[in-house]
Protein backbone atom coordinates (compact mmCIF):
# COMPACT_ATOMS: atom_id res chain seq x y z
CA MET A 1 -23.45 7.35 -18.91
CA TYR A 2 -21.72 10.65 -17.91
CA PHE A 3 -19.64 11.38 -21.84
CA GLY A 4 -20.98 9.50 -23.85
CA LYS A 5 -18.88 10.14 -27.19
CA ASP A 6 -17.15 13.15 -25.71
CA ILE A 7 -14.19 11.70 -23.48
CA LYS A 8 -12.43 14.65 -22.27
CA LEU A 9 -10.01 14.82 -19.07
CA SER A 10 -11.77 17.86 -18.54
CA ASN A 11 -14.77 17.21 -18.54
CA LEU A 12 -13.60 13.99 -15.46
CA ASP A 13 -12.26 17.21 -13.46
CA ASN A 14 -15.48 18.97 -13.11
CA LEU A 15 -17.30 15.44 -12.25
CA LEU A 16 -15.28 14.81 -9.49
CA TYR A 17 -14.59 18.31 -8.44
CA GLY A 18 -18.09 18.66 -8.48
CA PHE A 19 -18.23 15.63 -7.04
CA ASN A 20 -15.59 16.20 -3.76
CA LEU A 21 -17.03 19.80 -3.08
CA ASN A 22 -20.15 17.83 -2.11
CA SER A 23 -19.16 14.99 0.04
CA LYS A 24 -19.39 15.00 3.65
CA LYS A 25 -16.36 13.07 3.89
CA GLU A 26 -12.69 13.41 2.84
CA SER A 27 -12.59 11.34 -1.56
CA VAL A 28 -12.06 7.60 -0.76
CA VAL A 29 -8.96 8.92 -3.31
CA PRO A 30 -7.01 11.81 -1.41
CA PHE A 31 -7.07 13.56 -4.35
CA GLN A 32 -5.01 16.39 -2.23
CA TYR A 33 -2.20 13.74 -2.79
CA PHE A 34 -3.29 12.86 -5.77
CA ASN A 35 -2.50 15.91 -7.30
CA TYR A 36 1.00 16.16 -4.85
CA TRP A 37 1.44 12.78 -6.57
CA THR A 38 1.10 13.25 -9.81
CA LYS A 39 2.83 16.67 -10.76
CA LEU A 40 6.13 14.18 -8.56
CA LYS A 41 5.75 11.50 -10.88
CA LEU A 42 5.02 13.62 -14.01
CA ASN A 43 7.31 16.06 -13.09
CA LYS A 44 5.44 18.85 -13.90
CA PHE A 45 5.91 21.91 -11.19
CA GLY A 46 4.10 25.54 -11.27
CA SER A 47 1.83 27.63 -9.82
CA LYS A 48 0.18 26.71 -13.03
CA TYR A 49 -0.45 23.04 -12.97
CA ASN A 50 -2.71 20.66 -10.92
CA TRP A 51 -3.31 17.53 -11.81
CA THR A 52 -5.61 17.93 -14.50
CA VAL A 53 -3.06 20.61 -16.55
CA ALA A 54 0.28 17.93 -15.78
CA ILE A 55 -1.44 15.33 -17.76
CA LEU A 56 -2.96 17.11 -20.38
CA GLU A 57 0.48 18.63 -21.24
CA THR A 58 1.90 14.31 -20.62
CA CYS A 59 -0.40 13.22 -23.83
CA ASN A 60 0.05 16.65 -25.67
CA ASN A 61 -3.17 18.38 -25.06
CA ASP A 62 -5.25 15.09 -25.91
CA GLU A 63 -8.27 14.91 -24.02
CA GLU A 64 -9.37 10.90 -24.92
CA LEU A 65 -5.44 10.13 -23.96
CA ALA A 66 -5.31 12.12 -21.26
CA PHE A 67 -8.29 10.80 -19.57
CA TRP A 68 -7.26 7.20 -20.12
CA LYS A 69 -3.79 8.14 -18.58
CA PHE A 70 -5.77 10.13 -15.29
CA TYR A 71 -7.14 5.79 -14.81
CA GLU A 72 -3.36 4.50 -15.45
CA LEU A 73 -2.04 6.76 -12.61
CA LEU A 74 -4.91 6.29 -10.27
CA ASP A 75 -4.52 2.54 -10.26
CA GLU A 76 -0.89 3.18 -9.20
CA PHE A 77 -1.56 5.73 -6.75
CA ILE A 78 -3.97 3.58 -4.80
CA LEU A 79 -2.11 0.96 -4.46
CA LEU A 80 0.76 2.75 -2.71
CA LYS A 81 1.16 2.09 0.50
CA PRO A 82 2.32 3.69 4.08
CA ASN A 83 5.94 3.38 5.02
CA ARG A 84 5.56 4.40 8.56
CA LEU A 85 3.54 6.24 10.85
CA PHE A 86 4.28 8.77 13.58
CA ILE A 87 2.09 9.89 15.94
CA ALA A 88 2.26 12.72 18.89
CA GLU A 89 0.02 13.30 21.46
CA LEU A 90 -0.21 17.24 22.72
CA THR A 91 0.42 18.19 25.78
CA SER A 92 -0.45 20.80 28.45
CA ASP A 93 3.06 21.87 27.63
CA ASN A 94 2.32 21.87 23.92
CA LEU A 95 -0.60 23.40 23.69
CA ALA A 96 0.73 26.21 26.20
CA PHE A 97 3.37 26.94 23.51
CA TYR A 98 0.91 26.72 20.77
CA TYR A 99 -0.78 29.61 22.76
CA SER A 100 1.70 31.76 24.09
CA LYS A 101 1.69 35.29 22.43
CA SER A 102 5.81 35.38 21.65
CA ASN A 103 4.60 31.87 19.07
CA ASN A 104 4.35 33.42 15.47
CA ASN A 105 3.68 29.83 13.84
CA LYS A 106 0.20 29.39 15.07
CA GLN A 107 -2.43 28.49 12.34
CA HIS A 108 -4.97 32.06 11.82
CA ARG A 109 -8.00 31.54 9.21
CA ILE A 110 -9.59 34.61 7.56
CA ILE A 111 -13.24 35.16 8.71
CA GLY A 112 -15.54 38.15 7.08
CA THR A 113 -14.85 40.41 3.77
CA ASP A 114 -12.86 42.72 6.79
CA ASN A 115 -10.14 40.37 6.76
CA ARG A 116 -11.24 39.09 10.45
CA TYR A 117 -8.77 36.52 11.87
CA ILE A 118 -9.86 33.80 14.07
CA LEU A 119 -7.22 31.83 15.56
CA ASP A 120 -7.69 28.12 14.62
CA PRO A 121 -7.04 25.25 17.39
CA ALA A 122 -4.27 23.47 19.04
CA PRO A 123 -4.62 19.69 17.81
CA TYR A 124 -5.08 16.68 20.80
CA HIS A 125 -3.05 14.83 18.53
CA ILE A 126 -1.31 14.03 14.94
CA LYS A 127 -0.81 11.51 12.78
CA LEU A 128 2.10 11.65 10.15
CA PHE A 129 1.20 8.78 7.61
CA GLU A 130 5.28 9.04 5.49
CA PHE A 131 4.99 7.24 1.37
CA ASP A 132 7.82 6.81 -0.86
CA TYR A 133 6.30 10.32 -2.31
CA CYS A 134 5.87 12.80 0.61
CA ILE A 135 4.46 13.05 4.08
CA HIS A 136 0.77 12.69 4.71
CA SER A 137 0.04 14.71 7.74
CA TYR A 138 -3.33 15.08 9.57
CA HIS A 139 -4.18 17.08 12.68
CA PHE A 140 -7.14 16.14 14.68
CA ASP A 141 -9.05 18.76 16.64
CA TYR A 142 -12.36 19.42 18.59
CA PHE A 143 -14.34 21.64 17.20
CA TRP A 144 -17.78 21.17 20.11
CA VAL A 145 -17.81 25.48 20.86
CA VAL A 146 -18.37 26.13 16.77
CA ASP A 147 -20.99 23.12 15.64
CA GLU A 148 -22.02 19.74 16.83
CA TYR A 149 -19.10 18.14 15.16
CA ASP A 150 -16.59 16.57 17.48
CA LYS A 151 -13.64 15.44 15.39
CA ASN A 152 -11.93 18.19 11.85
CA ILE A 153 -8.91 17.07 10.24
CA TYR A 154 -6.09 19.17 8.83
CA TYR A 155 -4.07 17.67 6.90
CA ASN A 156 -0.96 18.98 4.56
CA HIS A 157 2.14 17.41 2.52
CA PHE A 158 5.48 17.39 3.14
CA ASP A 159 8.81 16.61 1.58
CA ASN A 160 10.11 14.42 4.14
CA ILE A 161 9.28 13.50 7.76
CA VAL A 162 12.74 15.93 8.96
CA GLU A 163 10.98 19.26 7.14
CA CYS A 164 7.58 17.65 8.65
CA GLN A 165 8.50 17.44 12.04
CA ASN A 166 10.89 20.62 12.31
CA THR A 167 7.07 22.49 10.99
CA TYR A 168 6.19 20.79 14.46
CA LYS A 169 8.38 21.88 16.15
CA GLU A 170 8.05 24.83 14.87
CA LYS A 171 4.29 25.58 15.93
CA PHE A 172 4.16 23.24 19.00
CA ASN A 173 7.19 22.67 19.81
CA ILE A 174 6.72 18.98 19.40
CA SER A 175 10.04 16.70 20.57
CA GLU A 176 9.00 13.36 20.78
CA TRP A 177 7.16 11.37 17.91
CA LEU A 178 5.73 7.67 18.62
CA MET A 179 6.77 5.31 15.55
CA ALA A 180 3.67 2.88 15.63
CA ASP A 181 3.72 -0.20 14.70
CA SER A 182 4.37 -1.28 10.78
CA THR A 183 1.75 -3.79 10.66
CA ASN A 184 -1.45 -2.57 9.76
CA ILE A 185 -0.31 1.36 8.84
CA ASP A 186 -2.60 1.31 5.36
CA ILE A 187 -5.63 0.25 7.40
CA GLU A 188 -4.73 2.92 9.89
CA PHE A 189 -4.49 5.04 7.19
CA GLU A 190 -7.28 4.06 5.94
CA THR A 191 -9.80 4.42 9.04
CA THR A 192 -7.77 7.43 10.05
CA ARG A 193 -9.50 9.56 6.31
CA ASN A 194 -12.69 7.37 6.63
CA ASN A 195 -13.39 9.21 10.63
CA CYS A 196 -12.28 12.39 9.15
CA ARG A 197 -14.51 15.29 7.93
CA ASN A 198 -13.00 17.82 5.41
CA ARG A 199 -11.76 21.38 6.90
CA ARG A 200 -13.47 23.35 4.56
CA GLN A 201 -17.26 23.05 6.16
CA ASN A 202 -15.91 24.20 8.74
CA ILE A 203 -17.11 27.76 8.35
CA ILE A 204 -18.64 30.01 11.74
């Protein structure tokens, strides 16, 4: 319906990008992670690579072959399940550490054309979903001062749990993580994604 006889991965990429850009929730397939996983699986790293370029290069730039390769990889990706879930609830001490003048690891955003900065608020709780290929990190924050929504997501990925937890140690001085029951982690991951909004929509 969309492509007719012109079956190209590039066309599919443009369609998915437009859909994802206008979605009010994170896409059902979390493409920020699919991108990382695909590059890792195909051993394609470097600033020029995203999942589209990686697949095309693997298929010798054959657009139609790459189109069907995408779905082959996607089928494998969506079957992946998280192995472990780590949760941290930030205490008043963690929040004080984050906002302290001596903490140089706070996150900022640029707003406006004159490069003004605004401090990103500290999350109230953090969830780390460990997969075989990386750690999916979700930060939950409250933006009631900014707009009517009360939940927001920051997402990121890390190569391993040690690197991930060290990063949060530097930002928030988190020393203890609760490892959740592994029975329904895949459901928890789905729920987490579905209940989160996309960060790029929070614009002052």
